[in-house]
């Protein structure tokens, strides 16, 4: 891989064996690794999505092909005729990122079988938001998992259709305000809890599933690399706070991620087929020392989409959300093989 320029395309020479080392020293990474997402994109200030993509780039092991569904990331990084992607990349429709990635993986497999692939491997990554994963694209994702394609599917979850106007999705949490689940005297935001999408993918019996946030970057890089090295379909659920839709100051993105984990609203874990669930990073620390766990109000109060829950008359709703978070956390503790018993 060329290191002549700090920015530019990542060129992987045909015929050369690649296994880029996994490193966690930021100074060394800055010197040795080019970003796969270059400056000049139009993502909002404070957006978590480009941070997640950069962490994926730091975990890459060699030649990689990315398929991105329609959404914030696609729209803002590839405004025609420009692109911010430094690796092979393709835009596909909202509903079929997993299908397109499956086709690319199958084509690469055929090329390698016939001796026409000049690389030992090419990793295939499908990326989509919550709308393209929980809802519109789920059938393609489920099919990809069932057929066993060697593809990493990355969900960057900002919990609503942010690109089209902050409409609710299957990933929008209970009682959150969106433009299609407005808060009023009759309805207190979205009435339904979000789908347990990562658990749904575990139920598909795929080899590897994990959750991560850009705030816990070492944990994120490890999980990305582990997923890329695992054969078969892999699924990673990355929390991607959106300051426009969640209504918080752009400078607080990392803090919001930390609060999501510290309150157990978004626990960090991984699932390995044949072994089970494992708590990781901060969530493992909380499991070992429950005093570290914060009430969910600490996560909610920095977000304008939840400000109605802070009113005295909505105390019951706040308690209901806390009970839901606690129940999900307790269930995870019971399933995790490394949780204190």
C-alpha atoms as a PDB file:
ATOM      1  CA  UNK A   1       0.000   0.000   0.000  1.00  0.00           C
ATOM      2  CA  UNK A   2       1.492   3.350  -1.044  1.00  0.00           C
ATOM      3  CA  UNK A   3       2.409   5.867   1.683  1.00  0.00           C
ATOM      4  CA  UNK A   4       3.623   8.694  -0.526  1.00  0.00           C
ATOM      5  CA  UNK A   5       0.697  10.999   0.194  1.00  0.00           C
ATOM      6  CA  UNK A   6      -1.373  11.520   3.357  1.00  0.00           C
ATOM      7  CA  UNK A   7      -4.558  11.457   1.269  1.00  0.00           C
ATOM      8  CA  UNK A   8      -5.405   9.657  -1.921  1.00  0.00           C
ATOM      9  CA  UNK A   9      -6.581   6.301  -3.224  1.00  0.00           C
ATOM     10  CA  UNK A  10      -5.484   3.154  -1.423  1.00  0.00           C
ATOM     11  CA  UNK A  11      -3.716   1.063  -4.026  1.00  0.00           C
ATOM     12  CA  UNK A  12      -3.280  -2.663  -3.387  1.00  0.00           C
ATOM     13  CA  UNK A  13      -0.828  -4.184  -5.857  1.00  0.00           C
ATOM     14  CA  UNK A  14      -2.056  -7.350  -7.628  1.00  0.00           C
ATOM     15  CA  UNK A  15      -0.131 -10.486  -6.708  1.00  0.00           C
ATOM     16  CA  UNK A  16       1.188  -9.072  -3.431  1.00  0.00           C
ATOM     17  CA  UNK A  17       0.154 -10.799  -0.206  1.00  0.00           C
ATOM     18  CA  UNK A  18      -1.582  -8.516   2.284  1.00  0.00           C
ATOM     19  CA  UNK A  19      -2.248  -8.876   5.978  1.00  0.00           C
ATOM     20  CA  UNK A  20      -2.088  -5.357   7.381  1.00  0.00           C
ATOM     21  CA  UNK A  21      -1.096  -5.468  11.083  1.00  0.00           C
ATOM     22  CA  UNK A  22      -3.637  -4.548  13.730  1.00  0.00           C
ATOM     23  CA  UNK A  23      -2.370  -1.613  15.803  1.00  0.00           C
ATOM     24  CA  UNK A  24      -3.810   0.583  18.555  1.00  0.00           C
ATOM     25  CA  UNK A  25      -1.130   3.262  18.807  1.00  0.00           C
ATOM     26  CA  UNK A  26      -2.742   6.413  17.425  1.00  0.00           C
ATOM     27  CA  UNK A  27       0.573   7.995  16.480  1.00  0.00           C
ATOM     28  CA  UNK A  28       1.634   4.939  14.491  1.00  0.00           C
ATOM     29  CA  UNK A  29      -1.792   4.614  12.888  1.00  0.00           C
ATOM     30  CA  UNK A  30      -1.704   8.251  11.792  1.00  0.00           C
ATOM     31  CA  UNK A  31       1.664   7.683  10.119  1.00  0.00           C
ATOM     32  CA  UNK A  32       1.030   4.291   8.553  1.00  0.00           C
ATOM     33  CA  UNK A  33      -2.657   4.117   7.688  1.00  0.00           C
ATOM     34  CA  UNK A  34      -4.437   6.228   5.122  1.00  0.00           C
ATOM     35  CA  UNK A  35      -8.097   6.958   5.857  1.00  0.00           C
ATOM     36  CA  UNK A  36     -10.595   5.153   3.643  1.00  0.00           C
ATOM     37  CA  UNK A  37     -12.873   8.204   3.862  1.00  0.00           C
ATOM     38  CA  UNK A  38     -11.159  11.373   2.676  1.00  0.00           C
ATOM     39  CA  UNK A  39     -11.764  15.029   3.661  1.00  0.00           C
ATOM     40  CA  UNK A  40     -14.294  17.059   1.724  1.00  0.00           C
ATOM     41  CA  UNK A  41     -17.420  15.030   2.405  1.00  0.00           C
ATOM     42  CA  UNK A  42     -20.590  16.838   3.455  1.00  0.00           C
ATOM     43  CA  UNK A  43     -21.515  14.893   6.599  1.00  0.00           C
ATOM     44  CA  UNK A  44     -22.912  17.136   9.337  1.00  0.00           C
ATOM     45  CA  UNK A  45     -20.577  18.484  11.999  1.00  0.00           C
ATOM     46  CA  UNK A  46     -20.675  16.063  14.899  1.00  0.00           C
ATOM     47  CA  UNK A  47     -21.928  13.129  12.808  1.00  0.00           C
ATOM     48  CA  UNK A  48     -20.784   9.763  14.181  1.00  0.00           C
ATOM     49  CA  UNK A  49     -20.987   7.890  10.861  1.00  0.00           C
ATOM     50  CA  UNK A  50     -17.645   9.059   9.374  1.00  0.00           C
ATOM     51  CA  UNK A  51     -15.936   8.265  12.692  1.00  0.00           C
ATOM     52  CA  UNK A  52     -17.245   4.704  12.475  1.00  0.00           C
ATOM     53  CA  UNK A  53     -16.048   4.371   8.876  1.00  0.00           C
ATOM     54  CA  UNK A  54     -12.584   5.622   9.783  1.00  0.00           C
ATOM     55  CA  UNK A  55     -12.375   3.009  12.549  1.00  0.00           C
ATOM     56  CA  UNK A  56     -13.375   0.359  10.019  1.00  0.00           C
ATOM     57  CA  UNK A  57     -10.494   1.584   7.846  1.00  0.00           C
ATOM     58  CA  UNK A  58      -8.039   1.185  10.727  1.00  0.00           C
ATOM     59  CA  UNK A  59      -9.133  -2.440  11.085  1.00  0.00           C
ATOM     60  CA  UNK A  60      -8.820  -3.355   7.386  1.00  0.00           C
ATOM     61  CA  UNK A  61      -6.518  -6.272   6.653  1.00  0.00           C
ATOM     62  CA  UNK A  62      -6.102  -5.720   2.910  1.00  0.00           C
ATOM     63  CA  UNK A  63      -8.070  -5.205  -0.336  1.00  0.00           C
ATOM     64  CA  UNK A  64     -11.665  -4.264   0.480  1.00  0.00           C
ATOM     65  CA  UNK A  65     -14.803  -3.502  -1.532  1.00  0.00           C
ATOM     66  CA  UNK A  66     -17.614  -1.449   0.033  1.00  0.00           C
ATOM     67  CA  UNK A  67     -21.301  -1.404  -0.919  1.00  0.00           C
ATOM     68  CA  UNK A  68     -23.344   1.434   0.596  1.00  0.00           C
ATOM     69  CA  UNK A  69     -27.123   1.715   0.607  1.00  0.00           C
ATOM     70  CA  UNK A  70     -28.870   5.018   0.038  1.00  0.00           C
ATOM     71  CA  UNK A  71     -28.715   7.087   3.209  1.00  0.00           C
ATOM     72  CA  UNK A  72     -26.849   9.870   4.972  1.00  0.00           C
ATOM     73  CA  UNK A  73     -23.431   8.281   4.453  1.00  0.00           C
ATOM     74  CA  UNK A  74     -23.950   7.650   0.749  1.00  0.00           C
ATOM     75  CA  UNK A  75     -25.546  10.999  -0.038  1.00  0.00           C
ATOM     76  CA  UNK A  76     -22.997  13.135   1.801  1.00  0.00           C
ATOM     77  CA  UNK A  77     -19.830  11.311   0.699  1.00  0.00           C
ATOM     78  CA  UNK A  78     -20.569  10.963  -3.023  1.00  0.00           C
ATOM     79  CA  UNK A  79     -22.232  14.098  -4.320  1.00  0.00           C
ATOM     80  CA  UNK A  80     -21.868  13.707  -8.094  1.00  0.00           C
ATOM     81  CA  UNK A  81     -19.306  13.956  -9.611  1.00  0.00           C
ATOM     82  CA  UNK A  82     -17.194  13.715  -6.438  1.00  0.00           C
ATOM     83  CA  UNK A  83     -16.415  10.953  -3.949  1.00  0.00           C
ATOM     84  CA  UNK A  84     -14.672  10.845  -0.584  1.00  0.00           C
ATOM     85  CA  UNK A  85     -14.037   7.094  -0.742  1.00  0.00           C
ATOM     86  CA  UNK A  86     -10.430   6.010  -1.203  1.00  0.00           C
ATOM     87  CA  UNK A  87     -11.268   2.341  -1.835  1.00  0.00           C
ATOM     88  CA  UNK A  88     -13.516   0.548  -4.366  1.00  0.00           C
ATOM     89  CA  UNK A  89     -17.067   1.563  -3.531  1.00  0.00           C
ATOM     90  CA  UNK A  90     -20.540   1.273  -5.019  1.00  0.00           C
ATOM     91  CA  UNK A  91     -23.867   2.915  -4.241  1.00  0.00           C
ATOM     92  CA  UNK A  92     -26.892   0.668  -4.281  1.00  0.00           C
ATOM     93  CA  UNK A  93     -30.579   1.219  -3.547  1.00  0.00           C
ATOM     94  CA  UNK A  94     -32.061   1.583  -0.071  1.00  0.00           C
ATOM     95  CA  UNK A  95     -33.341  -1.979   0.066  1.00  0.00           C
ATOM     96  CA  UNK A  96     -30.616  -4.170  -1.410  1.00  0.00           C
ATOM     97  CA  UNK A  97     -27.155  -3.421  -0.016  1.00  0.00           C
ATOM     98  CA  UNK A  98     -26.910  -6.982   1.308  1.00  0.00           C
ATOM     99  CA  UNK A  99     -28.066  -8.432  -2.039  1.00  0.00           C
ATOM    100  CA  UNK A 100     -25.491  -6.431  -4.005  1.00  0.00           C
ATOM    101  CA  UNK A 101     -22.745  -7.359  -1.547  1.00  0.00           C
ATOM    102  CA  UNK A 102     -23.777 -11.011  -1.872  1.00  0.00           C
ATOM    103  CA  UNK A 103     -23.398 -10.743  -5.651  1.00  0.00           C
ATOM    104  CA  UNK A 104     -19.967  -9.160  -5.371  1.00  0.00           C
ATOM    105  CA  UNK A 105     -18.855 -11.873  -2.946  1.00  0.00           C
ATOM    106  CA  UNK A 106     -20.137 -14.599  -5.265  1.00  0.00           C
ATOM    107  CA  UNK A 107     -18.360 -13.019  -8.248  1.00  0.00           C
ATOM    108  CA  UNK A 108     -15.064 -12.796  -6.342  1.00  0.00           C
ATOM    109  CA  UNK A 109     -15.434 -16.436  -5.328  1.00  0.00           C
ATOM    110  CA  UNK A 110     -15.913 -17.428  -8.973  1.00  0.00           C
ATOM    111  CA  UNK A 111     -12.906 -15.369 -10.067  1.00  0.00           C
ATOM    112  CA  UNK A 112     -10.699 -16.979  -7.428  1.00  0.00           C
ATOM    113  CA  UNK A 113     -11.918 -20.477  -8.347  1.00  0.00           C
ATOM    114  CA  UNK A 114     -10.941 -19.907 -11.969  1.00  0.00           C
ATOM    115  CA  UNK A 115      -7.591 -18.329 -11.099  1.00  0.00           C
ATOM    116  CA  UNK A 116      -8.539 -14.841 -12.254  1.00  0.00           C
ATOM    117  CA  UNK A 117      -8.391 -13.048  -8.896  1.00  0.00           C
ATOM    118  CA  UNK A 118      -4.932 -11.479  -8.400  1.00  0.00           C
ATOM    119  CA  UNK A 119      -5.352 -11.313  -4.584  1.00  0.00           C
ATOM    120  CA  UNK A 120      -5.468 -13.865  -1.786  1.00  0.00           C
ATOM    121  CA  UNK A 121      -8.698 -12.260  -0.644  1.00  0.00           C
ATOM    122  CA  UNK A 122     -10.902  -9.210  -1.082  1.00  0.00           C
ATOM    123  CA  UNK A 123     -13.101  -8.371   1.894  1.00  0.00           C
ATOM    124  CA  UNK A 124     -16.655  -7.275   1.085  1.00  0.00           C
ATOM    125  CA  UNK A 125     -18.451  -4.831   3.388  1.00  0.00           C
ATOM    126  CA  UNK A 126     -22.088  -3.754   3.110  1.00  0.00           C
ATOM    127  CA  UNK A 127     -23.013  -0.545   4.946  1.00  0.00           C
ATOM    128  CA  UNK A 128     -26.489   0.807   5.641  1.00  0.00           C
ATOM    129  CA  UNK A 129     -28.349   2.950   8.143  1.00  0.00           C
ATOM    130  CA  UNK A 130     -31.242   1.880  10.340  1.00  0.00           C
ATOM    131  CA  UNK A 131     -33.853   2.532   7.642  1.00  0.00           C
ATOM    132  CA  UNK A 132     -31.958   0.355   5.171  1.00  0.00           C
ATOM    133  CA  UNK A 133     -31.454  -2.370   7.786  1.00  0.00           C
ATOM    134  CA  UNK A 134     -34.343  -2.610  10.258  1.00  0.00           C
ATOM    135  CA  UNK A 135     -37.001  -1.893   7.641  1.00  0.00           C
ATOM    136  CA  UNK A 136     -36.500  -1.508   3.906  1.00  0.00           C
ATOM    137  CA  UNK A 137     -33.456  -3.760   3.525  1.00  0.00           C
ATOM    138  CA  UNK A 138     -34.120  -6.441   6.108  1.00  0.00           C
ATOM    139  CA  UNK A 139     -35.260  -9.090   3.633  1.00  0.00           C
ATOM    140  CA  UNK A 140     -31.965  -8.771   1.727  1.00  0.00           C
ATOM    141  CA  UNK A 141     -29.957  -8.910   4.957  1.00  0.00           C
ATOM    142  CA  UNK A 142     -31.828 -12.003   6.164  1.00  0.00           C
ATOM    143  CA  UNK A 143     -31.262 -13.688   2.797  1.00  0.00           C
ATOM    144  CA  UNK A 144     -27.555 -12.868   2.864  1.00  0.00           C
ATOM    145  CA  UNK A 145     -27.272 -14.465   6.298  1.00  0.00           C
ATOM    146  CA  UNK A 146     -29.287 -17.540   5.340  1.00  0.00           C
ATOM    147  CA  UNK A 147     -27.189 -18.171   2.217  1.00  0.00           C
ATOM    148  CA  UNK A 148     -23.953 -17.828   4.174  1.00  0.00           C
ATOM    149  CA  UNK A 149     -22.191 -15.145   2.108  1.00  0.00           C
ATOM    150  CA  UNK A 150     -18.783 -14.080   3.379  1.00  0.00           C
ATOM    151  CA  UNK A 151     -19.795 -10.434   3.874  1.00  0.00           C
ATOM    152  CA  UNK A 152     -19.496  -7.998   6.782  1.00  0.00           C
ATOM    153  CA  UNK A 153     -22.727  -6.041   7.162  1.00  0.00           C
ATOM    154  CA  UNK A 154     -22.286  -2.782   9.081  1.00  0.00           C
ATOM    155  CA  UNK A 155     -25.320  -0.976  10.469  1.00  0.00           C
ATOM    156  CA  UNK A 156     -24.688   2.639  11.475  1.00  0.00           C
ATOM    157  CA  UNK A 157     -27.732   3.283  13.614  1.00  0.00           C
ATOM    158  CA  UNK A 158     -28.863   6.895  14.060  1.00  0.00           C
ATOM    159  CA  UNK A 159     -32.319   5.646  15.037  1.00  0.00           C
ATOM    160  CA  UNK A 160     -34.449   7.358  12.380  1.00  0.00           C
ATOM    161  CA  UNK A 161     -34.592   8.169   8.655  1.00  0.00           C
ATOM    162  CA  UNK A 162     -32.342  11.193   9.153  1.00  0.00           C
ATOM    163  CA  UNK A 163     -31.483  11.738   5.475  1.00  0.00           C
ATOM    164  CA  UNK A 164     -35.123  12.238   4.480  1.00  0.00           C
ATOM    165  CA  UNK A 165     -36.402  14.305   7.380  1.00  0.00           C
ATOM    166  CA  UNK A 166     -36.070  12.498  10.747  1.00  0.00           C
ATOM    167  CA  UNK A 167     -38.924  10.017  10.270  1.00  0.00           C
ATOM    168  CA  UNK A 168     -39.283   7.118  12.709  1.00  0.00           C
ATOM    169  CA  UNK A 169     -37.864   3.702  11.792  1.00  0.00           C
ATOM    170  CA  UNK A 170     -37.875   0.258  13.320  1.00  0.00           C
ATOM    171  CA  UNK A 171     -34.693   1.382  15.062  1.00  0.00           C
ATOM    172  CA  UNK A 172     -36.258   4.421  16.725  1.00  0.00           C
ATOM    173  CA  UNK A 173     -36.523   3.870  20.499  1.00  0.00           C
ATOM    174  CA  UNK A 174     -39.698   4.098  22.517  1.00  0.00           C
ATOM    175  CA  UNK A 175     -40.983   7.594  23.383  1.00  0.00           C
ATOM    176  CA  UNK A 176     -38.497   9.338  21.076  1.00  0.00           C
ATOM    177  CA  UNK A 177     -39.701  12.342  19.097  1.00  0.00           C
ATOM    178  CA  UNK A 178     -39.467  12.203  15.302  1.00  0.00           C
ATOM    179  CA  UNK A 179     -41.362  14.070  12.606  1.00  0.00           C
ATOM    180  CA  UNK A 180     -43.647  11.053  12.138  1.00  0.00           C
ATOM    181  CA  UNK A 181     -43.928  10.221  15.835  1.00  0.00           C
ATOM    182  CA  UNK A 182     -44.470  13.741  17.196  1.00  0.00           C
ATOM    183  CA  UNK A 183     -44.933  14.453  20.879  1.00  0.00           C
ATOM    184  CA  UNK A 184     -48.315  15.822  21.951  1.00  0.00           C
ATOM    185  CA  UNK A 185     -51.006  15.523  24.582  1.00  0.00           C
ATOM    186  CA  UNK A 186     -52.230  12.179  23.220  1.00  0.00           C
ATOM    187  CA  UNK A 187     -49.095  10.455  21.896  1.00  0.00           C
ATOM    188  CA  UNK A 188     -45.738  10.792  23.753  1.00  0.00           C
ATOM    189  CA  UNK A 189     -43.494  10.070  20.748  1.00  0.00           C
ATOM    190  CA  UNK A 190     -42.939   6.634  19.227  1.00  0.00           C
ATOM    191  CA  UNK A 191     -45.013   4.080  21.109  1.00  0.00           C
ATOM    192  CA  UNK A 192     -43.020   0.944  20.292  1.00  0.00           C
ATOM    193  CA  UNK A 193     -39.537  -0.142  21.469  1.00  0.00           C
ATOM    194  CA  UNK A 194     -36.835  -0.518  18.823  1.00  0.00           C
ATOM    195  CA  UNK A 195     -36.257  -3.913  17.243  1.00  0.00           C
ATOM    196  CA  UNK A 196     -33.463  -5.984  18.859  1.00  0.00           C
ATOM    197  CA  UNK A 197     -31.736  -6.139  15.497  1.00  0.00           C
ATOM    198  CA  UNK A 198     -28.426  -7.599  16.705  1.00  0.00           C
ATOM    199  CA  UNK A 199     -30.241 -10.385  18.568  1.00  0.00           C
ATOM    200  CA  UNK A 200     -32.306 -11.035  15.442  1.00  0.00           C
ATOM    201  CA  UNK A 201     -29.063 -11.598  13.537  1.00  0.00           C
ATOM    202  CA  UNK A 202     -27.816 -13.915  16.295  1.00  0.00           C
ATOM    203  CA  UNK A 203     -31.029 -15.869  15.744  1.00  0.00           C
ATOM    204  CA  UNK A 204     -29.897 -16.319  12.111  1.00  0.00           C
ATOM    205  CA  UNK A 205     -26.983 -18.373  13.518  1.00  0.00           C
ATOM    206  CA  UNK A 206     -24.367 -16.252  11.763  1.00  0.00           C
ATOM    207  CA  UNK A 207     -20.743 -16.732  12.915  1.00  0.00           C
ATOM    208  CA  UNK A 208     -20.217 -13.279  14.429  1.00  0.00           C
ATOM    209  CA  UNK A 209     -22.352 -10.396  15.708  1.00  0.00           C
ATOM    210  CA  UNK A 210     -21.172  -7.368  17.697  1.00  0.00           C
ATOM    211  CA  UNK A 211     -22.154  -3.924  18.940  1.00  0.00           C
ATOM    212  CA  UNK A 212     -19.850  -0.907  19.085  1.00  0.00           C
ATOM    213  CA  UNK A 213     -19.655   2.880  19.349  1.00  0.00           C
ATOM    214  CA  UNK A 214     -17.014   5.309  18.018  1.00  0.00           C
ATOM    215  CA  UNK A 215     -16.337   6.452  21.604  1.00  0.00           C
ATOM    216  CA  UNK A 216     -14.935   3.026  22.501  1.00  0.00           C
ATOM    217  CA  UNK A 217     -12.516   2.987  19.601  1.00  0.00           C
ATOM    218  CA  UNK A 218     -10.138   0.189  20.613  1.00  0.00           C
ATOM    219  CA  UNK A 219     -13.114  -2.100  21.193  1.00  0.00           C
ATOM    220  CA  UNK A 220     -14.487  -1.041  17.798  1.00  0.00           C
ATOM    221  CA  UNK A 221     -11.267  -1.722  15.864  1.00  0.00           C
ATOM    222  CA  UNK A 222     -10.902  -5.152  17.482  1.00  0.00           C
ATOM    223  CA  UNK A 223     -14.463  -6.095  16.549  1.00  0.00           C
ATOM    224  CA  UNK A 224     -14.148  -4.860  12.981  1.00  0.00           C
ATOM    225  CA  UNK A 225     -10.968  -6.875  12.479  1.00  0.00           C
ATOM    226  CA  UNK A 226     -12.423  -9.968  14.125  1.00  0.00           C
ATOM    227  CA  UNK A 227     -15.465  -9.724  11.863  1.00  0.00           C
ATOM    228  CA  UNK A 228     -13.321  -9.354   8.716  1.00  0.00           C
ATOM    229  CA  UNK A 229     -11.256 -12.394   9.684  1.00  0.00           C
ATOM    230  CA  UNK A 230     -14.334 -14.541  10.368  1.00  0.00           C
ATOM    231  CA  UNK A 231     -15.600 -16.614   7.449  1.00  0.00           C
ATOM    232  CA  UNK A 232     -19.263 -16.280   6.551  1.00  0.00           C
ATOM    233  CA  UNK A 233     -21.850 -13.548   7.176  1.00  0.00           C
ATOM    234  CA  UNK A 234     -21.024 -11.079   9.962  1.00  0.00           C
ATOM    235  CA  UNK A 235     -23.146  -8.300  11.452  1.00  0.00           C
ATOM    236  CA  UNK A 236     -21.985  -5.239  13.391  1.00  0.00           C
ATOM    237  CA  UNK A 237     -24.414  -2.805  15.004  1.00  0.00           C
ATOM    238  CA  UNK A 238     -22.735   0.588  15.503  1.00  0.00           C
ATOM    239  CA  UNK A 239     -24.500   3.339  17.432  1.00  0.00           C
ATOM    240  CA  UNK A 240     -24.301   6.571  15.414  1.00  0.00           C
ATOM    241  CA  UNK A 241     -25.792   9.513  17.359  1.00  0.00           C
ATOM    242  CA  UNK A 242     -27.256  12.207  15.099  1.00  0.00           C
ATOM    243  CA  UNK A 243     -27.167  15.677  16.607  1.00  0.00           C
ATOM    244  CA  UNK A 244     -29.761  16.948  14.116  1.00  0.00           C
ATOM    245  CA  UNK A 245     -32.282  14.230  14.866  1.00  0.00           C
ATOM    246  CA  UNK A 246     -31.474  13.606  18.518  1.00  0.00           C
ATOM    247  CA  UNK A 247     -31.229  17.326  19.237  1.00  0.00           C
ATOM    248  CA  UNK A 248     -27.899  17.749  21.032  1.00  0.00           C
ATOM    249  CA  UNK A 249     -24.886  20.000  20.523  1.00  0.00           C
ATOM    250  CA  UNK A 250     -22.507  18.670  17.813  1.00  0.00           C
ATOM    251  CA  UNK A 251     -19.618  18.726  20.281  1.00  0.00           C
ATOM    252  CA  UNK A 252     -21.305  16.065  22.453  1.00  0.00           C
ATOM    253  CA  UNK A 253     -21.340  13.113  20.053  1.00  0.00           C
ATOM    254  CA  UNK A 254     -18.675  11.085  21.857  1.00  0.00           C
ATOM    255  CA  UNK A 255     -20.143  11.964  25.252  1.00  0.00           C
ATOM    256  CA  UNK A 256     -23.585  10.780  24.091  1.00  0.00           C
ATOM    257  CA  UNK A 257     -22.031   7.472  22.982  1.00  0.00           C
ATOM    258  CA  UNK A 258     -20.405   7.050  26.380  1.00  0.00           C
ATOM    259  CA  UNK A 259     -23.673   7.795  28.178  1.00  0.00           C
ATOM    260  CA  UNK A 260     -25.510   5.267  25.998  1.00  0.00           C
ATOM    261  CA  UNK A 261     -23.104   2.578  27.186  1.00  0.00           C
ATOM    262  CA  UNK A 262     -22.796   3.759  30.810  1.00  0.00           C
ATOM    263  CA  UNK A 263     -26.588   3.690  31.246  1.00  0.00           C
ATOM    264  CA  UNK A 264     -26.776   0.258  29.541  1.00  0.00           C
ATOM    265  CA  UNK A 265     -29.067   1.731  26.909  1.00  0.00           C
ATOM    266  CA  UNK A 266     -26.573   0.386  24.365  1.00  0.00           C
ATOM    267  CA  UNK A 267     -24.403  -2.370  25.880  1.00  0.00           C
ATOM    268  CA  UNK A 268     -21.173  -3.454  24.216  1.00  0.00           C
ATOM    269  CA  UNK A 269     -21.013  -7.165  23.420  1.00  0.00           C
ATOM    270  CA  UNK A 270     -20.083  -9.724  20.818  1.00  0.00           C
ATOM    271  CA  UNK A 271     -21.517 -13.089  19.899  1.00  0.00           C
ATOM    272  CA  UNK A 272     -19.351 -15.916  18.590  1.00  0.00           C
ATOM    273  CA  UNK A 273     -21.181 -18.891  17.130  1.00  0.00           C
ATOM    274  CA  UNK A 274     -20.607 -22.000  19.193  1.00  0.00           C
ATOM    275  CA  UNK A 275     -19.435 -19.985  22.203  1.00  0.00           C
ATOM    276  CA  UNK A 276     -22.148 -17.448  23.020  1.00  0.00           C
ATOM    277  CA  UNK A 277     -22.350 -13.810  24.107  1.00  0.00           C
ATOM    278  CA  UNK A 278     -19.417 -11.908  25.592  1.00  0.00           C
ATOM    279  CA  UNK A 279     -19.592  -8.510  27.258  1.00  0.00           C
ATOM    280  CA  UNK A 280     -16.775  -6.200  26.178  1.00  0.00           C
ATOM    281  CA  UNK A 281     -15.008  -3.007  27.201  1.00  0.00           C
ATOM    282  CA  UNK A 282     -17.060  -0.667  29.418  1.00  0.00           C
ATOM    283  CA  UNK A 283     -20.062  -2.993  29.593  1.00  0.00           C
ATOM    284  CA  UNK A 284     -17.907  -5.766  31.036  1.00  0.00           C
ATOM    285  CA  UNK A 285     -16.601  -3.283  33.616  1.00  0.00           C
ATOM    286  CA  UNK A 286     -20.176  -2.352  34.564  1.00  0.00           C
ATOM    287  CA  UNK A 287     -21.114  -6.009  34.909  1.00  0.00           C
ATOM    288  CA  UNK A 288     -18.207  -6.513  37.302  1.00  0.00           C
ATOM    289  CA  UNK A 289     -18.995  -3.311  39.219  1.00  0.00           C
ATOM    290  CA  UNK A 290     -22.736  -2.471  39.002  1.00  0.00           C
ATOM    291  CA  UNK A 291     -22.153   0.849  40.786  1.00  0.00           C
ATOM    292  CA  UNK A 292     -20.765   2.163  37.483  1.00  0.00           C
ATOM    293  CA  UNK A 293     -24.185   1.836  35.843  1.00  0.00           C
ATOM    294  CA  UNK A 294     -25.925   5.207  35.469  1.00  0.00           C
ATOM    295  CA  UNK A 295     -29.698   5.840  35.330  1.00  0.00           C
ATOM    296  CA  UNK A 296     -31.035   6.172  31.794  1.00  0.00           C
ATOM    297  CA  UNK A 297     -32.097   9.787  32.456  1.00  0.00           C
ATOM    298  CA  UNK A 298     -28.413  10.753  32.195  1.00  0.00           C
ATOM    299  CA  UNK A 299     -28.491   9.628  28.565  1.00  0.00           C
ATOM    300  CA  UNK A 300     -31.898  11.147  27.820  1.00  0.00           C
ATOM    301  CA  UNK A 301     -31.485  14.608  29.326  1.00  0.00           C
ATOM    302  CA  UNK A 302     -28.830  15.745  26.839  1.00  0.00           C
ATOM    303  CA  UNK A 303     -31.186  15.040  23.912  1.00  0.00           C
ATOM    304  CA  UNK A 304     -34.010  17.291  22.803  1.00  0.00           C
ATOM    305  CA  UNK A 305     -35.962  14.352  21.370  1.00  0.00           C
ATOM    306  CA  UNK A 306     -36.583  13.192  24.943  1.00  0.00           C
ATOM    307  CA  UNK A 307     -37.174  16.499  26.693  1.00  0.00           C
ATOM    308  CA  UNK A 308     -40.863  15.686  27.222  1.00  0.00           C
ATOM    309  CA  UNK A 309     -39.856  12.755  29.447  1.00  0.00           C
ATOM    310  CA  UNK A 310     -38.262  15.188  31.887  1.00  0.00           C
ATOM    311  CA  UNK A 311     -41.621  16.796  32.693  1.00  0.00           C
ATOM    312  CA  UNK A 312     -43.174  15.738  36.019  1.00  0.00           C
ATOM    313  CA  UNK A 313     -46.366  14.518  34.344  1.00  0.00           C
ATOM    314  CA  UNK A 314     -44.329  12.049  32.250  1.00  0.00           C
ATOM    315  CA  UNK A 315     -42.478  10.457  35.143  1.00  0.00           C
ATOM    316  CA  UNK A 316     -44.324   7.192  34.552  1.00  0.00           C
ATOM    317  CA  UNK A 317     -43.034   7.044  30.977  1.00  0.00           C
ATOM    318  CA  UNK A 318     -39.488   7.668  32.159  1.00  0.00           C
ATOM    319  CA  UNK A 319     -39.828   4.859  34.692  1.00  0.00           C
ATOM    320  CA  UNK A 320     -41.183   2.552  31.986  1.00  0.00           C
ATOM    321  CA  UNK A 321     -38.186   3.248  29.755  1.00  0.00           C
ATOM    322  CA  UNK A 322     -35.810   2.631  32.677  1.00  0.00           C
ATOM    323  CA  UNK A 323     -37.525  -0.683  33.372  1.00  0.00           C
ATOM    324  CA  UNK A 324     -37.153  -1.676  29.723  1.00  0.00           C
ATOM    325  CA  UNK A 325     -33.419  -0.819  29.692  1.00  0.00           C
ATOM    326  CA  UNK A 326     -32.898  -2.714  32.965  1.00  0.00           C
ATOM    327  CA  UNK A 327     -34.731  -5.786  31.660  1.00  0.00           C
ATOM    328  CA  UNK A 328     -32.669  -5.911  28.465  1.00  0.00           C
ATOM    329  CA  UNK A 329     -29.456  -5.485  30.470  1.00  0.00           C
ATOM    330  CA  UNK A 330     -30.390  -8.250  32.925  1.00  0.00           C
ATOM    331  CA  UNK A 331     -31.216 -10.554  30.030  1.00  0.00           C
ATOM    332  CA  UNK A 332     -27.802  -9.864  28.506  1.00  0.00           C
ATOM    333  CA  UNK A 333     -26.091 -10.543  31.848  1.00  0.00           C
ATOM    334  CA  UNK A 334     -27.839 -13.906  32.016  1.00  0.00           C
ATOM    335  CA  UNK A 335     -26.705 -14.824  28.512  1.00  0.00           C
ATOM    336  CA  UNK A 336     -23.114 -13.513  28.579  1.00  0.00           C
ATOM    337  CA  UNK A 337     -20.643 -16.291  29.369  1.00  0.00           C
ATOM    338  CA  UNK A 338     -18.145 -13.860  30.900  1.00  0.00           C
ATOM    339  CA  UNK A 339     -20.616 -11.958  33.105  1.00  0.00           C
ATOM    340  CA  UNK A 340     -20.191 -12.451  36.873  1.00  0.00           C
ATOM    341  CA  UNK A 341     -22.694 -15.034  38.115  1.00  0.00           C
END
